[in-house]
């Protein structure tokens, strides 16, 4: 998605494993990243910190994407972040 001219990606499960690797790669490519997590705020914050240390833009957002309301809030956060 593009918000205010900035490309923004929502990466679910971005606090660890493959999701984290994807988030870091997107950030290296200049895309702002919404680091979505269900539990484990500390790991999500660590991913955001790593992205920001390398000059990228990221925010951690807790949301259960199985919930329509939470998924909508996640997209709202992405729109605000971009």
C-alpha atoms as a PDB file:
ATOM      1  CA  UNK A   1       0.000   0.000   0.000  1.00  0.00           C
ATOM      2  CA  UNK A   2       1.095   3.593  -0.466  1.00  0.00           C
ATOM      3  CA  UNK A   3       0.267   6.248   2.104  1.00  0.00           C
ATOM      4  CA  UNK A   4       1.316   9.872   1.722  1.00  0.00           C
ATOM      5  CA  UNK A   5       3.717   8.824  -1.028  1.00  0.00           C
ATOM      6  CA  UNK A   6       5.416   6.250   1.229  1.00  0.00           C
ATOM      7  CA  UNK A   7       5.168   2.561   0.452  1.00  0.00           C
ATOM      8  CA  UNK A   8       3.996   0.681   3.552  1.00  0.00           C
ATOM      9  CA  UNK A   9       3.976  -3.063   4.128  1.00  0.00           C
ATOM     10  CA  UNK A  10       2.160  -4.958   6.850  1.00  0.00           C
ATOM     11  CA  UNK A  11       4.160  -8.050   7.789  1.00  0.00           C
ATOM     12  CA  UNK A  12       2.338 -10.529   9.993  1.00  0.00           C
ATOM     13  CA  UNK A  13       4.498 -12.542  12.331  1.00  0.00           C
ATOM     14  CA  UNK A  14       7.282 -10.039  11.804  1.00  0.00           C
ATOM     15  CA  UNK A  15       8.758 -10.331  15.273  1.00  0.00           C
ATOM     16  CA  UNK A  16      10.593 -13.590  14.518  1.00  0.00           C
ATOM     17  CA  UNK A  17      11.669 -16.103  11.909  1.00  0.00           C
ATOM     18  CA  UNK A  18      10.723 -15.659   8.274  1.00  0.00           C
ATOM     19  CA  UNK A  19       8.392 -12.734   9.039  1.00  0.00           C
ATOM     20  CA  UNK A  20      11.240 -10.840  10.700  1.00  0.00           C
ATOM     21  CA  UNK A  21      13.546 -11.511   7.745  1.00  0.00           C
ATOM     22  CA  UNK A  22      10.881 -10.237   5.347  1.00  0.00           C
ATOM     23  CA  UNK A  23      10.327  -7.100   7.438  1.00  0.00           C
ATOM     24  CA  UNK A  24      14.056  -6.348   7.530  1.00  0.00           C
ATOM     25  CA  UNK A  25      14.390  -6.853   3.770  1.00  0.00           C
ATOM     26  CA  UNK A  26      11.430  -4.614   2.961  1.00  0.00           C
ATOM     27  CA  UNK A  27      12.863  -1.913   5.203  1.00  0.00           C
ATOM     28  CA  UNK A  28      16.237  -2.162   3.421  1.00  0.00           C
ATOM     29  CA  UNK A  29      14.318  -1.578   0.186  1.00  0.00           C
ATOM     30  CA  UNK A  30      12.914   1.691   1.573  1.00  0.00           C
ATOM     31  CA  UNK A  31       9.466   0.465   2.536  1.00  0.00           C
ATOM     32  CA  UNK A  32       7.957   1.496   5.881  1.00  0.00           C
ATOM     33  CA  UNK A  33       7.034  -1.632   7.821  1.00  0.00           C
ATOM     34  CA  UNK A  34       4.187  -2.382  10.190  1.00  0.00           C
ATOM     35  CA  UNK A  35       5.544  -5.178  12.372  1.00  0.00           C
ATOM     36  CA  UNK A  36       2.457  -7.172  13.313  1.00  0.00           C
ATOM     37  CA  UNK A  37       2.602  -9.566  16.245  1.00  0.00           C
ATOM     38  CA  UNK A  38       0.083 -11.525  18.285  1.00  0.00           C
ATOM     39  CA  UNK A  39       2.229 -11.972  21.406  1.00  0.00           C
ATOM     40  CA  UNK A  40       5.810 -11.107  22.211  1.00  0.00           C
ATOM     41  CA  UNK A  41       5.964  -7.328  22.259  1.00  0.00           C
ATOM     42  CA  UNK A  42       9.681  -7.388  23.099  1.00  0.00           C
ATOM     43  CA  UNK A  43      10.604  -9.293  19.936  1.00  0.00           C
ATOM     44  CA  UNK A  44       8.458  -6.961  17.814  1.00  0.00           C
ATOM     45  CA  UNK A  45      10.107  -3.927  19.419  1.00  0.00           C
ATOM     46  CA  UNK A  46      13.531  -5.449  18.695  1.00  0.00           C
ATOM     47  CA  UNK A  47      12.607  -5.808  15.018  1.00  0.00           C
ATOM     48  CA  UNK A  48      11.443  -2.184  14.908  1.00  0.00           C
ATOM     49  CA  UNK A  49      14.641  -1.037  16.639  1.00  0.00           C
ATOM     50  CA  UNK A  50      16.821  -2.901  14.127  1.00  0.00           C
ATOM     51  CA  UNK A  51      14.932  -1.355  11.215  1.00  0.00           C
ATOM     52  CA  UNK A  52      15.214   2.133  12.699  1.00  0.00           C
ATOM     53  CA  UNK A  53      18.951   1.705  13.473  1.00  0.00           C
ATOM     54  CA  UNK A  54      19.521   1.043   9.787  1.00  0.00           C
ATOM     55  CA  UNK A  55      17.611   4.194   8.817  1.00  0.00           C
ATOM     56  CA  UNK A  56      14.255   2.570   8.077  1.00  0.00           C
ATOM     57  CA  UNK A  57      10.804   3.346   9.329  1.00  0.00           C
ATOM     58  CA  UNK A  58       8.763   0.824  11.335  1.00  0.00           C
ATOM     59  CA  UNK A  59       6.125   0.482  14.006  1.00  0.00           C
ATOM     60  CA  UNK A  60       4.988  -2.539  16.038  1.00  0.00           C
ATOM     61  CA  UNK A  61       1.247  -3.222  16.132  1.00  0.00           C
ATOM     62  CA  UNK A  62      -0.390  -6.013  18.115  1.00  0.00           C
ATOM     63  CA  UNK A  63      -3.361  -7.532  16.320  1.00  0.00           C
ATOM     64  CA  UNK A  64      -5.027 -10.918  15.901  1.00  0.00           C
ATOM     65  CA  UNK A  65      -5.572 -10.960  12.152  1.00  0.00           C
ATOM     66  CA  UNK A  66      -8.245 -13.608  12.612  1.00  0.00           C
ATOM     67  CA  UNK A  67     -10.472 -10.870  14.014  1.00  0.00           C
ATOM     68  CA  UNK A  68     -12.050  -8.556  11.413  1.00  0.00           C
ATOM     69  CA  UNK A  69     -12.028  -5.659  13.883  1.00  0.00           C
ATOM     70  CA  UNK A  70      -8.367  -6.171  14.758  1.00  0.00           C
ATOM     71  CA  UNK A  71      -7.406  -6.578  11.102  1.00  0.00           C
ATOM     72  CA  UNK A  72      -9.152  -3.292  10.282  1.00  0.00           C
ATOM     73  CA  UNK A  73      -7.274  -1.582  13.127  1.00  0.00           C
ATOM     74  CA  UNK A  74      -4.022  -2.994  11.728  1.00  0.00           C
ATOM     75  CA  UNK A  75      -4.724  -1.429   8.327  1.00  0.00           C
ATOM     76  CA  UNK A  76      -5.651   1.858  10.024  1.00  0.00           C
ATOM     77  CA  UNK A  77      -2.272   1.803  11.798  1.00  0.00           C
ATOM     78  CA  UNK A  78      -0.549   1.205   8.463  1.00  0.00           C
ATOM     79  CA  UNK A  79      -2.329   4.232   6.964  1.00  0.00           C
ATOM     80  CA  UNK A  80      -1.243   6.407   9.903  1.00  0.00           C
ATOM     81  CA  UNK A  81       2.326   5.088   9.739  1.00  0.00           C
ATOM     82  CA  UNK A  82       3.004   5.856   6.097  1.00  0.00           C
END
